[in-house]
Amino acid sequence: MPAPARSTYSQADLAKADSYKARDYPEDVDPAIERLVRDMMSGFADKWTVVILDTLWDGGTLRFSELARQVTGISQKMLTQTLKRMERDGLVIRELHASVPPKVEYSLSPLGLTLGAAFCNVWVWALENHKAVETAREQFDGDRD
């Protein structure tokens, strides 16, 4: 990943940001790969994908109903749509068991597992920076009053 465009970052800020990246961003990225990354990132940026990813990371293989209970606030329709998109992207495995009633289980695919590991860095960042985010929000909200 190239250095940030803003030149007013302190060395400590740059070092901290550097500590969160695992690999350097390649200089010459194939436009097809860039489109794929942008498409995938728009899917991750929705409200539910990362929550489902994290739930399956922690819970392993879960039935649809178990997943629905653990992902609080999600509608059945949104859970279905998000799981279908994640399955299409190769992030989850959907297993249908022939039984009455039908039993459907979801788990992370190996690809989903690697993405879950990558998102662990987001959790590390949040743990280390949540107070700074709260302070920034309070300052912003205070300036608007």
C-alpha atoms as a PDB file:
ATOM      1  CA  MET A   1       0.000   0.000   0.000  1.00  0.00           C
ATOM      2  CA  PRO A   2       1.497   3.369  -0.915  1.00  0.00           C
ATOM      3  CA  ALA A   3       2.044   6.002   1.740  1.00  0.00           C
ATOM      4  CA  PRO A   4      -0.986   8.188   2.532  1.00  0.00           C
ATOM      5  CA  ALA A   5      -1.329  11.298   0.364  1.00  0.00           C
ATOM      6  CA  ARG A   6      -1.597  13.655   3.331  1.00  0.00           C
ATOM      7  CA  SER A   7       1.832  14.928   4.339  1.00  0.00           C
ATOM      8  CA  THR A   8       0.910  16.148   7.832  1.00  0.00           C
ATOM      9  CA  TYR A   9       0.957  12.733   9.480  1.00  0.00           C
ATOM     10  CA  SER A  10       3.501  12.334  12.253  1.00  0.00           C
ATOM     11  CA  GLN A  11       6.060   9.560  12.125  1.00  0.00           C
ATOM     12  CA  ALA A  12       4.186   7.888  15.001  1.00  0.00           C
ATOM     13  CA  ASP A  13       0.938   8.003  12.987  1.00  0.00           C
ATOM     14  CA  LEU A  14       2.649   6.493   9.952  1.00  0.00           C
ATOM     15  CA  ALA A  15       4.348   3.816  12.039  1.00  0.00           C
ATOM     16  CA  LYS A  16       1.042   2.897  13.682  1.00  0.00           C
ATOM     17  CA  ALA A  17      -0.701   2.636  10.304  1.00  0.00           C
ATOM     18  CA  ASP A  18       2.198   0.545   9.003  1.00  0.00           C
ATOM     19  CA  SER A  19       1.720  -1.860  11.894  1.00  0.00           C
ATOM     20  CA  TYR A  20      -1.781  -2.755  10.628  1.00  0.00           C
ATOM     21  CA  LYS A  21      -0.817  -3.794   7.140  1.00  0.00           C
ATOM     22  CA  ALA A  22       0.456  -7.282   6.534  1.00  0.00           C
ATOM     23  CA  ARG A  23       1.657  -6.849   2.958  1.00  0.00           C
ATOM     24  CA  ASP A  24       2.583  -4.037   0.645  1.00  0.00           C
ATOM     25  CA  TYR A  25       0.060  -2.997  -1.966  1.00  0.00           C
ATOM     26  CA  PRO A  26       1.414  -3.913  -5.410  1.00  0.00           C
ATOM     27  CA  GLU A  27       2.562  -1.055  -7.629  1.00  0.00           C
ATOM     28  CA  ASP A  28       0.965  -2.219 -10.901  1.00  0.00           C
ATOM     29  CA  VAL A  29      -2.424  -3.764 -10.270  1.00  0.00           C
ATOM     30  CA  ASP A  30      -4.247  -5.479 -13.086  1.00  0.00           C
ATOM     31  CA  PRO A  31      -7.486  -3.497 -13.768  1.00  0.00           C
ATOM     32  CA  ALA A  32      -9.489  -6.745 -13.596  1.00  0.00           C
ATOM     33  CA  ILE A  33      -8.172  -7.404 -10.087  1.00  0.00           C
ATOM     34  CA  GLU A  34      -8.877  -3.806  -9.103  1.00  0.00           C
ATOM     35  CA  ARG A  35     -12.501  -4.187 -10.260  1.00  0.00           C
ATOM     36  CA  LEU A  36     -12.823  -7.436  -8.308  1.00  0.00           C
ATOM     37  CA  VAL A  37     -11.435  -5.825  -5.158  1.00  0.00           C
ATOM     38  CA  ARG A  38     -13.792  -2.849  -5.464  1.00  0.00           C
ATOM     39  CA  ASP A  39     -16.748  -5.162  -6.070  1.00  0.00           C
ATOM     40  CA  MET A  40     -15.831  -7.375  -3.105  1.00  0.00           C
ATOM     41  CA  MET A  41     -15.206  -4.372  -0.839  1.00  0.00           C
ATOM     42  CA  SER A  42     -18.628  -2.927  -1.642  1.00  0.00           C
ATOM     43  CA  GLY A  43     -20.101  -6.235  -0.461  1.00  0.00           C
ATOM     44  CA  PHE A  44     -18.067  -6.165   2.750  1.00  0.00           C
ATOM     45  CA  ALA A  45     -19.062  -2.584   3.403  1.00  0.00           C
ATOM     46  CA  ASP A  46     -22.701  -3.476   3.920  1.00  0.00           C
ATOM     47  CA  LYS A  47     -24.065  -3.722   7.415  1.00  0.00           C
ATOM     48  CA  TRP A  48     -24.248  -7.499   7.661  1.00  0.00           C
ATOM     49  CA  THR A  49     -21.444  -9.269   5.781  1.00  0.00           C
ATOM     50  CA  VAL A  50     -18.744  -8.669   8.373  1.00  0.00           C
ATOM     51  CA  VAL A  51     -21.146  -9.510  11.220  1.00  0.00           C
ATOM     52  CA  ILE A  52     -22.055 -12.830   9.576  1.00  0.00           C
ATOM     53  CA  LEU A  53     -18.390 -13.510   8.825  1.00  0.00           C
ATOM     54  CA  ASP A  54     -17.529 -12.896  12.476  1.00  0.00           C
ATOM     55  CA  THR A  55     -20.456 -15.005  13.719  1.00  0.00           C
ATOM     56  CA  LEU A  56     -19.425 -17.964  11.576  1.00  0.00           C
ATOM     57  CA  TRP A  57     -15.784 -17.421  12.597  1.00  0.00           C
ATOM     58  CA  ASP A  58     -16.772 -17.750  16.256  1.00  0.00           C
ATOM     59  CA  GLY A  59     -19.579 -20.287  15.880  1.00  0.00           C
ATOM     60  CA  GLY A  60     -18.296 -22.638  13.198  1.00  0.00           C
ATOM     61  CA  THR A  61     -21.042 -24.451  11.303  1.00  0.00           C
ATOM     62  CA  LEU A  62     -24.463 -23.006  12.082  1.00  0.00           C
ATOM     63  CA  ARG A  63     -27.993 -23.722  10.955  1.00  0.00           C
ATOM     64  CA  PHE A  64     -29.848 -20.841   9.327  1.00  0.00           C
ATOM     65  CA  SER A  65     -32.050 -20.406  12.392  1.00  0.00           C
ATOM     66  CA  GLU A  66     -29.022 -20.351  14.740  1.00  0.00           C
ATOM     67  CA  LEU A  67     -27.349 -17.770  12.553  1.00  0.00           C
ATOM     68  CA  ALA A  68     -30.537 -15.681  12.530  1.00  0.00           C
ATOM     69  CA  ARG A  69     -30.653 -15.745  16.351  1.00  0.00           C
ATOM     70  CA  GLN A  70     -27.004 -14.798  16.743  1.00  0.00           C
ATOM     71  CA  VAL A  71     -27.043 -11.966  14.191  1.00  0.00           C
ATOM     72  CA  THR A  72     -29.423  -9.744  16.103  1.00  0.00           C
ATOM     73  CA  GLY A  73     -31.474  -7.237  14.175  1.00  0.00           C
ATOM     74  CA  ILE A  74     -31.189  -8.867  10.747  1.00  0.00           C
ATOM     75  CA  SER A  75     -34.359  -9.777   8.876  1.00  0.00           C
ATOM     76  CA  GLN A  76     -34.789 -13.235   7.381  1.00  0.00           C
ATOM     77  CA  LYS A  77     -34.794 -11.690   3.904  1.00  0.00           C
ATOM     78  CA  MET A  78     -31.552  -9.767   4.482  1.00  0.00           C
ATOM     79  CA  LEU A  79     -29.856 -12.802   6.042  1.00  0.00           C
ATOM     80  CA  THR A  80     -30.857 -14.912   3.029  1.00  0.00           C
ATOM     81  CA  GLN A  81     -29.639 -12.284   0.541  1.00  0.00           C
ATOM     82  CA  THR A  82     -26.349 -11.733   2.351  1.00  0.00           C
ATOM     83  CA  LEU A  83     -25.648 -15.461   2.673  1.00  0.00           C
ATOM     84  CA  LYS A  84     -26.398 -15.971  -1.032  1.00  0.00           C
ATOM     85  CA  ARG A  85     -23.965 -13.190  -1.959  1.00  0.00           C
ATOM     86  CA  MET A  86     -21.324 -14.580   0.391  1.00  0.00           C
ATOM     87  CA  GLU A  87     -21.839 -18.059  -1.085  1.00  0.00           C
ATOM     88  CA  ARG A  88     -21.505 -16.634  -4.609  1.00  0.00           C
ATOM     89  CA  ASP A  89     -18.268 -14.900  -3.602  1.00  0.00           C
ATOM     90  CA  GLY A  90     -16.945 -18.178  -2.222  1.00  0.00           C
ATOM     91  CA  LEU A  91     -16.922 -17.026   1.409  1.00  0.00           C
ATOM     92  CA  VAL A  92     -19.450 -19.480   2.863  1.00  0.00           C
ATOM     93  CA  ILE A  93     -20.404 -23.059   2.244  1.00  0.00           C
ATOM     94  CA  ARG A  94     -24.118 -23.890   2.255  1.00  0.00           C
ATOM     95  CA  GLU A  95     -24.914 -27.497   3.016  1.00  0.00           C
ATOM     96  CA  LEU A  96     -28.451 -28.786   2.525  1.00  0.00           C
ATOM     97  CA  HIS A  97     -29.279 -31.988   4.401  1.00  0.00           C
ATOM     98  CA  ALA A  98     -32.149 -34.079   3.078  1.00  0.00           C
ATOM     99  CA  SER A  99     -34.418 -34.261   6.074  1.00  0.00           C
ATOM    100  CA  VAL A 100     -37.879 -33.200   7.153  1.00  0.00           C
ATOM    101  CA  PRO A 101     -37.872 -30.327   7.816  1.00  0.00           C
ATOM    102  CA  PRO A 102     -34.931 -29.455   5.558  1.00  0.00           C
ATOM    103  CA  LYS A 103     -31.744 -28.704   7.468  1.00  0.00           C
ATOM    104  CA  VAL A 104     -29.455 -26.039   6.004  1.00  0.00           C
ATOM    105  CA  GLU A 105     -26.066 -25.308   7.560  1.00  0.00           C
ATOM    106  CA  TYR A 106     -23.575 -22.578   6.807  1.00  0.00           C
ATOM    107  CA  SER A 107     -19.867 -22.440   7.508  1.00  0.00           C
ATOM    108  CA  LEU A 108     -16.916 -20.395   6.369  1.00  0.00           C
ATOM    109  CA  SER A 109     -15.158 -21.694   3.301  1.00  0.00           C
ATOM    110  CA  PRO A 110     -11.352 -21.714   3.278  1.00  0.00           C
ATOM    111  CA  LEU A 111     -11.606 -18.403   1.399  1.00  0.00           C
ATOM    112  CA  GLY A 112     -13.957 -17.021   4.054  1.00  0.00           C
ATOM    113  CA  LEU A 113     -11.590 -18.209   6.758  1.00  0.00           C
ATOM    114  CA  THR A 114      -8.725 -16.209   5.238  1.00  0.00           C
ATOM    115  CA  LEU A 115     -10.945 -13.136   4.989  1.00  0.00           C
ATOM    116  CA  GLY A 116     -11.983 -13.602   8.611  1.00  0.00           C
ATOM    117  CA  ALA A 117      -8.322 -13.676   9.592  1.00  0.00           C
ATOM    118  CA  ALA A 118      -7.738 -10.461   7.650  1.00  0.00           C
ATOM    119  CA  PHE A 119     -10.646  -8.799   9.471  1.00  0.00           C
ATOM    120  CA  CYS A 120      -9.045  -9.722  12.804  1.00  0.00           C
ATOM    121  CA  ASN A 121      -6.771  -6.750  12.163  1.00  0.00           C
ATOM    122  CA  VAL A 122      -9.850  -4.511  12.092  1.00  0.00           C
ATOM    123  CA  TRP A 123     -10.762  -5.799  15.564  1.00  0.00           C
ATOM    124  CA  VAL A 124      -7.203  -5.144  16.761  1.00  0.00           C
ATOM    125  CA  TRP A 125      -7.412  -1.629  15.341  1.00  0.00           C
ATOM    126  CA  ALA A 126     -10.802  -1.058  17.027  1.00  0.00           C
ATOM    127  CA  LEU A 127      -9.540  -2.298  20.396  1.00  0.00           C
ATOM    128  CA  GLU A 128      -6.531  -0.012  20.232  1.00  0.00           C
ATOM    129  CA  ASN A 129      -8.362   3.051  18.888  1.00  0.00           C
ATOM    130  CA  HIS A 130     -11.935   3.013  20.209  1.00  0.00           C
ATOM    131  CA  LYS A 131     -11.287   5.777  22.747  1.00  0.00           C
ATOM    132  CA  ALA A 132      -9.789   8.020  20.071  1.00  0.00           C
ATOM    133  CA  VAL A 133     -12.855   7.436  17.885  1.00  0.00           C
ATOM    134  CA  GLU A 134     -15.183   8.240  20.801  1.00  0.00           C
ATOM    135  CA  THR A 135     -13.224  11.432  21.517  1.00  0.00           C
ATOM    136  CA  ALA A 136     -13.357  12.470  17.858  1.00  0.00           C
ATOM    137  CA  ARG A 137     -17.120  11.874  17.771  1.00  0.00           C
ATOM    138  CA  GLU A 138     -17.662  13.875  20.952  1.00  0.00           C
ATOM    139  CA  GLN A 139     -15.592  16.759  19.568  1.00  0.00           C
ATOM    140  CA  PHE A 140     -17.461  16.643  16.253  1.00  0.00           C
ATOM    141  CA  ASP A 141     -20.863  16.512  17.968  1.00  0.00           C
ATOM    142  CA  GLY A 142     -19.844  19.319  20.337  1.00  0.00           C
ATOM    143  CA  ASP A 143     -18.789  21.539  17.439  1.00  0.00           C
ATOM    144  CA  ARG A 144     -22.210  21.071  15.810  1.00  0.00           C
ATOM    145  CA  ASP A 145     -24.164  22.240  18.870  1.00  0.00           C
END
